[in-house]
Amino acid sequence: MKKVLWVLAFTMVSLVAKDAVDTKNYVDSIQSKQMEAKTLHKLIKDDVEDLYIVDIREPDQVGHGEIFHLNLVTITRGYLEFKIEKEIPNKNARIVIYCCTGKRGTLAAKTLNDMGYTNVSSLKGGIRQWVADGYPLDTTYGEMFLK
């Protein structure tokens, strides 16, 4: 009887696993525009008009520091679809989305494209790459460079 139960359980797990989505490959396959940290830093320094930076990290992550910009919008990934149109009504605005590593940012950029936003990029490598490339974070203690 135990052997039959094990075979049945193995068969059910195999069927479920067969239809499971390979998340890493799915995220990697999304064809959203990615922006290098160097490019974003130049856009910020050049004070490009109608540029919005959207931080989709969770509140405890945001507390570690953020990329400073006057048009910084903070919306967690879970509320993006509900709040973005109120925060950025112009669907032609230049939007750069970032998270910690770039994965959620890629998904969020795809979502905004699907919602009709026409000029959306995600920050390649997220805020971790921003810091690794030597760019500053705005923190409660002021601007900080982390090396």
N, C-alpha and C. Protein backbone atom coordinates (compact mmCIF):
# COMPACT_ATOMS: atom_id res chain seq x y z
N MET A 1 0.82 -1.19 0.00
CA MET A 1 0.00 0.00 0.00
C MET A 1 0.87 1.26 0.00
N LYS A 2 1.96 1.26 0.84
CA LYS A 2 2.84 2.41 0.88
C LYS A 2 3.48 2.66 -0.47
N LYS A 3 3.84 1.57 -1.15
CA LYS A 3 4.48 1.70 -2.46
C LYS A 3 3.51 2.35 -3.46
N VAL A 4 2.26 1.98 -3.43
CA VAL A 4 1.25 2.55 -4.32
C VAL A 4 1.07 4.04 -4.03
N LEU A 5 1.04 4.41 -2.75
CA LEU A 5 0.91 5.82 -2.39
C LEU A 5 2.11 6.64 -2.87
N TRP A 6 3.31 6.07 -2.73
CA TRP A 6 4.51 6.78 -3.20
C TRP A 6 4.47 6.97 -4.71
N VAL A 7 4.07 5.96 -5.44
CA VAL A 7 3.99 6.05 -6.90
C VAL A 7 2.95 7.10 -7.28
N LEU A 8 1.81 7.09 -6.61
CA LEU A 8 0.76 8.06 -6.88
C LEU A 8 1.24 9.49 -6.57
N ALA A 9 1.89 9.66 -5.43
CA ALA A 9 2.40 10.98 -5.05
C ALA A 9 3.46 11.46 -6.05
N PHE A 10 4.36 10.57 -6.45
CA PHE A 10 5.39 10.93 -7.42
C PHE A 10 4.78 11.34 -8.75
N THR A 11 3.77 10.61 -9.18
CA THR A 11 3.10 10.92 -10.44
C THR A 11 2.44 12.29 -10.39
N MET A 12 1.78 12.60 -9.28
CA MET A 12 1.10 13.90 -9.14
C MET A 12 2.12 15.04 -9.13
N VAL A 13 3.21 14.88 -8.41
CA VAL A 13 4.25 15.91 -8.37
C VAL A 13 4.86 16.10 -9.75
N SER A 14 5.08 15.02 -10.46
CA SER A 14 5.66 15.10 -11.81
C SER A 14 4.74 15.87 -12.75
N LEU A 15 3.43 15.62 -12.66
CA LEU A 15 2.48 16.32 -13.52
C LEU A 15 2.43 17.81 -13.21
N VAL A 16 2.46 18.16 -11.94
CA VAL A 16 2.44 19.56 -11.55
C VAL A 16 3.74 20.24 -11.97
N ALA A 17 4.87 19.58 -11.73
CA ALA A 17 6.17 20.17 -12.06
C ALA A 17 6.33 20.37 -13.57
N LYS A 18 5.74 19.49 -14.36
CA LYS A 18 5.83 19.59 -15.82
C LYS A 18 5.23 20.90 -16.32
N ASP A 19 4.15 21.35 -15.69
CA ASP A 19 3.47 22.57 -16.12
C ASP A 19 3.94 23.81 -15.39
N ALA A 20 4.88 23.66 -14.47
CA ALA A 20 5.37 24.82 -13.71
C ALA A 20 6.19 25.72 -14.63
N VAL A 21 6.11 27.02 -14.36
CA VAL A 21 6.86 28.00 -15.15
C VAL A 21 8.27 28.11 -14.59
N ASP A 22 9.25 28.10 -15.48
CA ASP A 22 10.63 28.34 -15.09
C ASP A 22 10.80 29.85 -14.96
N THR A 23 10.71 30.35 -13.73
CA THR A 23 10.66 31.79 -13.48
C THR A 23 11.87 32.52 -14.03
N LYS A 24 13.06 32.01 -13.79
CA LYS A 24 14.27 32.69 -14.26
C LYS A 24 14.24 32.84 -15.79
N ASN A 25 13.93 31.76 -16.49
CA ASN A 25 13.88 31.84 -17.95
C ASN A 25 12.77 32.77 -18.42
N TYR A 26 11.65 32.79 -17.71
CA TYR A 26 10.56 33.69 -18.08
C TYR A 26 10.99 35.15 -17.95
N VAL A 27 11.59 35.51 -16.83
CA VAL A 27 12.04 36.89 -16.62
C VAL A 27 13.10 37.25 -17.66
N ASP A 28 14.04 36.34 -17.92
CA ASP A 28 15.09 36.61 -18.89
C ASP A 28 14.55 36.76 -20.32
N SER A 29 13.40 36.15 -20.59
CA SER A 29 12.84 36.20 -21.95
C SER A 29 12.04 37.47 -22.23
N ILE A 30 11.71 38.22 -21.19
CA ILE A 30 10.91 39.44 -21.38
C ILE A 30 11.74 40.45 -22.15
N GLN A 31 11.14 41.00 -23.17
CA GLN A 31 11.85 41.92 -24.05
C GLN A 31 11.62 43.38 -23.66
N SER A 32 11.86 43.72 -22.41
CA SER A 32 11.73 45.12 -22.01
C SER A 32 13.08 45.80 -22.16
N LYS A 33 13.04 47.11 -22.32
CA LYS A 33 14.27 47.87 -22.43
C LYS A 33 14.96 47.90 -21.08
N GLN A 34 16.27 47.73 -21.10
CA GLN A 34 17.06 47.83 -19.88
C GLN A 34 18.02 49.00 -20.03
N MET A 35 18.20 49.73 -18.95
CA MET A 35 19.06 50.89 -18.96
C MET A 35 20.23 50.67 -18.02
N GLU A 36 21.42 50.98 -18.49
CA GLU A 36 22.62 50.89 -17.67
C GLU A 36 22.60 52.02 -16.64
N ALA A 37 23.24 51.79 -15.49
CA ALA A 37 23.33 52.81 -14.43
C ALA A 37 23.97 54.09 -14.96
N LYS A 38 24.99 53.96 -15.77
CA LYS A 38 25.69 55.11 -16.34
C LYS A 38 24.73 56.00 -17.13
N THR A 39 23.86 55.39 -17.91
CA THR A 39 22.90 56.14 -18.72
C THR A 39 21.89 56.87 -17.82
N LEU A 40 21.38 56.17 -16.80
CA LEU A 40 20.43 56.80 -15.89
C LEU A 40 21.09 57.96 -15.16
N HIS A 41 22.31 57.77 -14.70
CA HIS A 41 23.01 58.84 -14.00
C HIS A 41 23.14 60.07 -14.89
N LYS A 42 23.45 59.88 -16.16
CA LYS A 42 23.56 61.00 -17.10
C LYS A 42 22.21 61.69 -17.29
N LEU A 43 21.14 60.93 -17.40
CA LEU A 43 19.80 61.53 -17.54
C LEU A 43 19.46 62.39 -16.33
N ILE A 44 19.81 61.91 -15.14
CA ILE A 44 19.54 62.66 -13.91
C ILE A 44 20.38 63.94 -13.90
N LYS A 45 21.67 63.82 -14.20
CA LYS A 45 22.56 64.99 -14.20
C LYS A 45 22.14 66.03 -15.24
N ASP A 46 21.66 65.54 -16.40
CA ASP A 46 21.23 66.44 -17.48
C ASP A 46 19.84 67.01 -17.23
N ASP A 47 19.20 66.58 -16.14
CA ASP A 47 17.86 67.06 -15.77
C ASP A 47 16.88 66.92 -16.93
N VAL A 48 16.84 65.72 -17.50
CA VAL A 48 15.97 65.43 -18.63
C VAL A 48 14.51 65.67 -18.25
N GLU A 49 13.81 66.39 -19.11
CA GLU A 49 12.41 66.72 -18.85
C GLU A 49 11.53 65.48 -18.94
N ASP A 50 10.54 65.43 -18.09
CA ASP A 50 9.55 64.36 -18.08
C ASP A 50 10.15 62.98 -17.79
N LEU A 51 11.22 62.96 -16.98
CA LEU A 51 11.83 61.70 -16.54
C LEU A 51 11.27 61.36 -15.16
N TYR A 52 10.79 60.14 -15.04
CA TYR A 52 10.30 59.63 -13.76
C TYR A 52 11.10 58.39 -13.41
N ILE A 53 11.50 58.31 -12.16
CA ILE A 53 12.17 57.11 -11.66
C ILE A 53 11.21 56.45 -10.68
N VAL A 54 10.93 55.18 -10.90
CA VAL A 54 9.96 54.46 -10.07
C VAL A 54 10.69 53.37 -9.29
N ASP A 55 10.66 53.51 -7.97
CA ASP A 55 11.26 52.54 -7.05
C ASP A 55 10.16 51.59 -6.62
N ILE A 56 10.28 50.31 -7.00
CA ILE A 56 9.22 49.35 -6.68
C ILE A 56 9.61 48.41 -5.53
N ARG A 57 10.65 48.77 -4.79
CA ARG A 57 11.07 47.92 -3.68
C ARG A 57 10.09 48.03 -2.52
N GLU A 58 10.22 47.09 -1.60
CA GLU A 58 9.40 47.08 -0.39
C GLU A 58 9.91 48.15 0.57
N PRO A 59 9.04 48.63 1.49
CA PRO A 59 9.42 49.72 2.40
C PRO A 59 10.71 49.46 3.19
N ASP A 60 10.93 48.24 3.65
CA ASP A 60 12.15 47.97 4.41
C ASP A 60 13.40 48.05 3.53
N GLN A 61 13.25 47.83 2.23
CA GLN A 61 14.37 47.96 1.31
C GLN A 61 14.64 49.43 0.97
N VAL A 62 13.58 50.20 0.83
CA VAL A 62 13.71 51.62 0.50
C VAL A 62 14.45 52.34 1.62
N GLY A 63 14.27 51.90 2.84
CA GLY A 63 14.92 52.52 3.99
C GLY A 63 16.44 52.50 3.94
N HIS A 64 17.01 51.64 3.12
CA HIS A 64 18.48 51.56 3.00
C HIS A 64 19.05 52.64 2.09
N GLY A 65 18.19 53.32 1.38
CA GLY A 65 18.64 54.37 0.47
C GLY A 65 17.95 54.24 -0.87
N GLU A 66 17.92 55.35 -1.61
CA GLU A 66 17.26 55.36 -2.91
C GLU A 66 18.03 56.25 -3.86
N ILE A 67 17.68 56.15 -5.14
CA ILE A 67 18.29 57.00 -6.16
C ILE A 67 17.57 58.34 -6.11
N PHE A 68 18.32 59.41 -5.88
CA PHE A 68 17.69 60.71 -5.74
C PHE A 68 17.29 61.28 -7.09
N HIS A 69 16.04 61.73 -7.15
CA HIS A 69 15.52 62.46 -8.32
C HIS A 69 14.24 63.15 -7.87
N LEU A 70 14.02 64.35 -8.39
CA LEU A 70 12.82 65.10 -7.98
C LEU A 70 11.54 64.38 -8.38
N ASN A 71 11.57 63.66 -9.49
CA ASN A 71 10.39 62.91 -9.92
C ASN A 71 10.52 61.43 -9.53
N LEU A 72 10.94 61.18 -8.30
CA LEU A 72 11.01 59.81 -7.80
C LEU A 72 9.63 59.40 -7.31
N VAL A 73 9.17 58.26 -7.78
CA VAL A 73 7.88 57.72 -7.36
C VAL A 73 8.17 56.39 -6.69
N THR A 74 7.65 56.22 -5.47
CA THR A 74 7.84 54.95 -4.75
C THR A 74 6.50 54.23 -4.67
N ILE A 75 6.44 53.10 -5.35
CA ILE A 75 5.24 52.24 -5.34
C ILE A 75 5.74 50.80 -5.25
N THR A 76 5.31 50.06 -4.26
CA THR A 76 5.74 48.66 -4.20
C THR A 76 5.20 47.91 -5.42
N ARG A 77 5.90 46.87 -5.81
CA ARG A 77 5.51 46.10 -6.99
C ARG A 77 4.06 45.62 -6.90
N GLY A 78 3.63 45.26 -5.72
CA GLY A 78 2.28 44.75 -5.53
C GLY A 78 1.18 45.76 -5.80
N TYR A 79 1.49 47.06 -5.73
CA TYR A 79 0.48 48.10 -5.95
C TYR A 79 0.70 48.87 -7.25
N LEU A 80 1.69 48.50 -8.03
CA LEU A 80 2.05 49.26 -9.22
C LEU A 80 0.86 49.48 -10.16
N GLU A 81 0.17 48.43 -10.51
CA GLU A 81 -0.94 48.54 -11.46
C GLU A 81 -2.07 49.42 -10.93
N PHE A 82 -2.23 49.47 -9.62
CA PHE A 82 -3.31 50.24 -9.02
C PHE A 82 -2.99 51.73 -8.89
N LYS A 83 -1.70 52.07 -8.74
CA LYS A 83 -1.34 53.45 -8.39
C LYS A 83 -0.60 54.23 -9.49
N ILE A 84 -0.06 53.55 -10.48
CA ILE A 84 0.82 54.23 -11.42
C ILE A 84 0.12 55.31 -12.24
N GLU A 85 -1.11 55.08 -12.65
CA GLU A 85 -1.80 56.06 -13.48
C GLU A 85 -2.10 57.35 -12.74
N LYS A 86 -2.25 57.26 -11.44
CA LYS A 86 -2.45 58.47 -10.63
C LYS A 86 -1.12 59.22 -10.47
N GLU A 87 -0.04 58.48 -10.27
CA GLU A 87 1.27 59.08 -10.06
C GLU A 87 1.88 59.62 -11.36
N ILE A 88 1.71 58.87 -12.44
CA ILE A 88 2.27 59.26 -13.74
C ILE A 88 1.18 59.10 -14.80
N PRO A 89 0.34 60.12 -14.96
CA PRO A 89 -0.75 60.00 -15.93
C PRO A 89 -0.30 60.05 -17.40
N ASN A 90 0.86 60.67 -17.66
CA ASN A 90 1.36 60.79 -19.02
C ASN A 90 1.95 59.46 -19.49
N LYS A 91 1.29 58.79 -20.40
CA LYS A 91 1.73 57.47 -20.87
C LYS A 91 2.95 57.56 -21.78
N ASN A 92 3.35 58.78 -22.16
CA ASN A 92 4.54 58.96 -23.00
C ASN A 92 5.75 59.44 -22.19
N ALA A 93 5.60 59.57 -20.88
CA ALA A 93 6.71 60.01 -20.02
C ALA A 93 7.83 58.98 -20.07
N ARG A 94 9.04 59.46 -19.88
CA ARG A 94 10.19 58.56 -19.81
C ARG A 94 10.25 58.01 -18.40
N ILE A 95 10.13 56.70 -18.26
CA ILE A 95 10.07 56.04 -16.96
C ILE A 95 11.20 55.02 -16.84
N VAL A 96 11.91 55.08 -15.73
CA VAL A 96 12.92 54.08 -15.42
C VAL A 96 12.53 53.45 -14.09
N ILE A 97 12.37 52.15 -14.10
CA ILE A 97 11.94 51.40 -12.92
C ILE A 97 13.14 50.68 -12.32
N TYR A 98 13.22 50.67 -10.98
CA TYR A 98 14.28 49.87 -10.38
C TYR A 98 13.78 49.15 -9.14
N CYS A 99 14.48 48.04 -8.87
CA CYS A 99 14.26 47.24 -7.67
C CYS A 99 15.65 46.93 -7.11
N CYS A 100 15.81 45.83 -6.42
CA CYS A 100 17.14 45.50 -5.86
C CYS A 100 18.08 44.95 -6.92
N THR A 101 17.63 43.96 -7.69
CA THR A 101 18.52 43.26 -8.61
C THR A 101 18.13 43.38 -10.08
N GLY A 102 16.99 43.96 -10.36
CA GLY A 102 16.55 44.13 -11.74
C GLY A 102 15.47 43.16 -12.19
N LYS A 103 15.22 42.11 -11.45
CA LYS A 103 14.22 41.11 -11.88
C LYS A 103 12.80 41.66 -11.76
N ARG A 104 12.44 42.18 -10.59
CA ARG A 104 11.09 42.76 -10.44
C ARG A 104 10.93 43.97 -11.34
N GLY A 105 12.01 44.72 -11.53
CA GLY A 105 11.97 45.88 -12.41
C GLY A 105 11.62 45.48 -13.84
N THR A 106 12.19 44.37 -14.29
CA THR A 106 11.89 43.87 -15.63
C THR A 106 10.42 43.51 -15.76
N LEU A 107 9.88 42.82 -14.75
CA LEU A 107 8.46 42.46 -14.77
C LEU A 107 7.58 43.71 -14.72
N ALA A 108 7.97 44.68 -13.91
CA ALA A 108 7.20 45.91 -13.79
C ALA A 108 7.22 46.70 -15.10
N ALA A 109 8.36 46.74 -15.77
CA ALA A 109 8.46 47.44 -17.06
C ALA A 109 7.53 46.79 -18.07
N LYS A 110 7.48 45.46 -18.08
CA LYS A 110 6.57 44.76 -18.99
C LYS A 110 5.13 45.12 -18.67
N THR A 111 4.80 45.16 -17.40
CA THR A 111 3.44 45.51 -16.99
C THR A 111 3.06 46.90 -17.48
N LEU A 112 3.96 47.88 -17.30
CA LEU A 112 3.65 49.24 -17.75
C LEU A 112 3.52 49.30 -19.27
N ASN A 113 4.36 48.57 -19.97
CA ASN A 113 4.21 48.50 -21.43
C ASN A 113 2.84 47.93 -21.80
N ASP A 114 2.43 46.89 -21.12
CA ASP A 114 1.12 46.27 -21.36
C ASP A 114 -0.02 47.24 -21.03
N MET A 115 0.22 48.17 -20.11
CA MET A 115 -0.80 49.15 -19.72
C MET A 115 -0.81 50.37 -20.66
N GLY A 116 0.07 50.39 -21.65
CA GLY A 116 0.07 51.47 -22.62
C GLY A 116 1.14 52.52 -22.45
N TYR A 117 2.02 52.37 -21.46
CA TYR A 117 3.14 53.30 -21.30
C TYR A 117 4.15 52.99 -22.41
N THR A 118 4.64 54.03 -23.06
CA THR A 118 5.41 53.83 -24.29
C THR A 118 6.93 53.96 -24.14
N ASN A 119 7.40 54.52 -23.04
CA ASN A 119 8.84 54.79 -22.92
C ASN A 119 9.34 54.33 -21.55
N VAL A 120 9.32 53.02 -21.34
CA VAL A 120 9.65 52.44 -20.04
C VAL A 120 10.91 51.59 -20.15
N SER A 121 11.80 51.76 -19.19
CA SER A 121 13.00 50.94 -19.08
C SER A 121 13.13 50.46 -17.64
N SER A 122 13.85 49.37 -17.46
CA SER A 122 14.19 48.95 -16.11
C SER A 122 15.70 49.12 -15.94
N LEU A 123 16.11 49.46 -14.73
CA LEU A 123 17.52 49.65 -14.44
C LEU A 123 18.20 48.29 -14.40
N LYS A 124 19.11 48.07 -15.32
CA LYS A 124 19.80 46.78 -15.41
C LYS A 124 20.59 46.52 -14.13
N GLY A 125 20.31 45.40 -13.49
CA GLY A 125 20.99 45.03 -12.26
C GLY A 125 20.43 45.70 -11.01
N GLY A 126 19.42 46.56 -11.19
CA GLY A 126 18.76 47.21 -10.07
C GLY A 126 19.68 48.14 -9.29
N ILE A 127 19.25 48.46 -8.09
CA ILE A 127 20.01 49.41 -7.26
C ILE A 127 21.36 48.82 -6.82
N ARG A 128 21.44 47.51 -6.78
CA ARG A 128 22.74 46.89 -6.43
C ARG A 128 23.79 47.22 -7.48
N GLN A 129 23.40 47.18 -8.76
CA GLN A 129 24.35 47.52 -9.81
C GLN A 129 24.67 49.01 -9.78
N TRP A 130 23.66 49.82 -9.47
CA TRP A 130 23.86 51.27 -9.34
C TRP A 130 24.97 51.56 -8.31
N VAL A 131 24.87 50.91 -7.17
CA VAL A 131 25.87 51.09 -6.10
C VAL A 131 27.22 50.50 -6.53
N ALA A 132 27.20 49.32 -7.14
CA ALA A 132 28.45 48.68 -7.58
C ALA A 132 29.19 49.54 -8.61
N ASP A 133 28.44 50.31 -9.40
CA ASP A 133 29.05 51.18 -10.40
C ASP A 133 29.53 52.51 -9.81
N GLY A 134 29.32 52.69 -8.50
CA GLY A 134 29.87 53.85 -7.81
C GLY A 134 28.96 55.07 -7.74
N TYR A 135 27.67 54.88 -7.98
CA TYR A 135 26.74 56.02 -7.93
C TYR A 135 26.14 56.13 -6.53
N PRO A 136 25.72 57.35 -6.14
CA PRO A 136 25.29 57.58 -4.76
C PRO A 136 23.86 57.14 -4.48
N LEU A 137 23.63 56.92 -3.19
CA LEU A 137 22.27 56.69 -2.69
C LEU A 137 21.88 57.87 -1.81
N ASP A 138 20.62 58.24 -1.86
CA ASP A 138 20.09 59.24 -0.97
C ASP A 138 19.57 58.50 0.26
N THR A 139 20.09 58.83 1.42
CA THR A 139 19.70 58.14 2.66
C THR A 139 19.25 59.17 3.68
N THR A 140 18.80 58.70 4.82
CA THR A 140 18.40 59.61 5.89
C THR A 140 19.60 60.40 6.42
N TYR A 141 20.80 59.93 6.13
CA TYR A 141 22.02 60.63 6.55
C TYR A 141 22.59 61.53 5.45
N GLY A 142 21.87 61.65 4.34
CA GLY A 142 22.35 62.43 3.20
C GLY A 142 22.83 61.52 2.10
N GLU A 143 23.49 62.10 1.13
CA GLU A 143 23.97 61.34 -0.01
C GLU A 143 25.17 60.49 0.41
N MET A 144 25.15 59.20 0.04
CA MET A 144 26.23 58.30 0.42
C MET A 144 26.71 57.53 -0.80
N PHE A 145 28.03 57.36 -0.86
CA PHE A 145 28.65 56.48 -1.86
C PHE A 145 29.10 55.23 -1.12
N LEU A 146 28.70 54.07 -1.60
CA LEU A 146 29.06 52.82 -0.96
C LEU A 146 30.04 52.07 -1.84
N LYS A 147 31.14 51.69 -1.27
CA LYS A 147 32.14 50.91 -2.03
C LYS A 147 32.50 49.68 -1.26
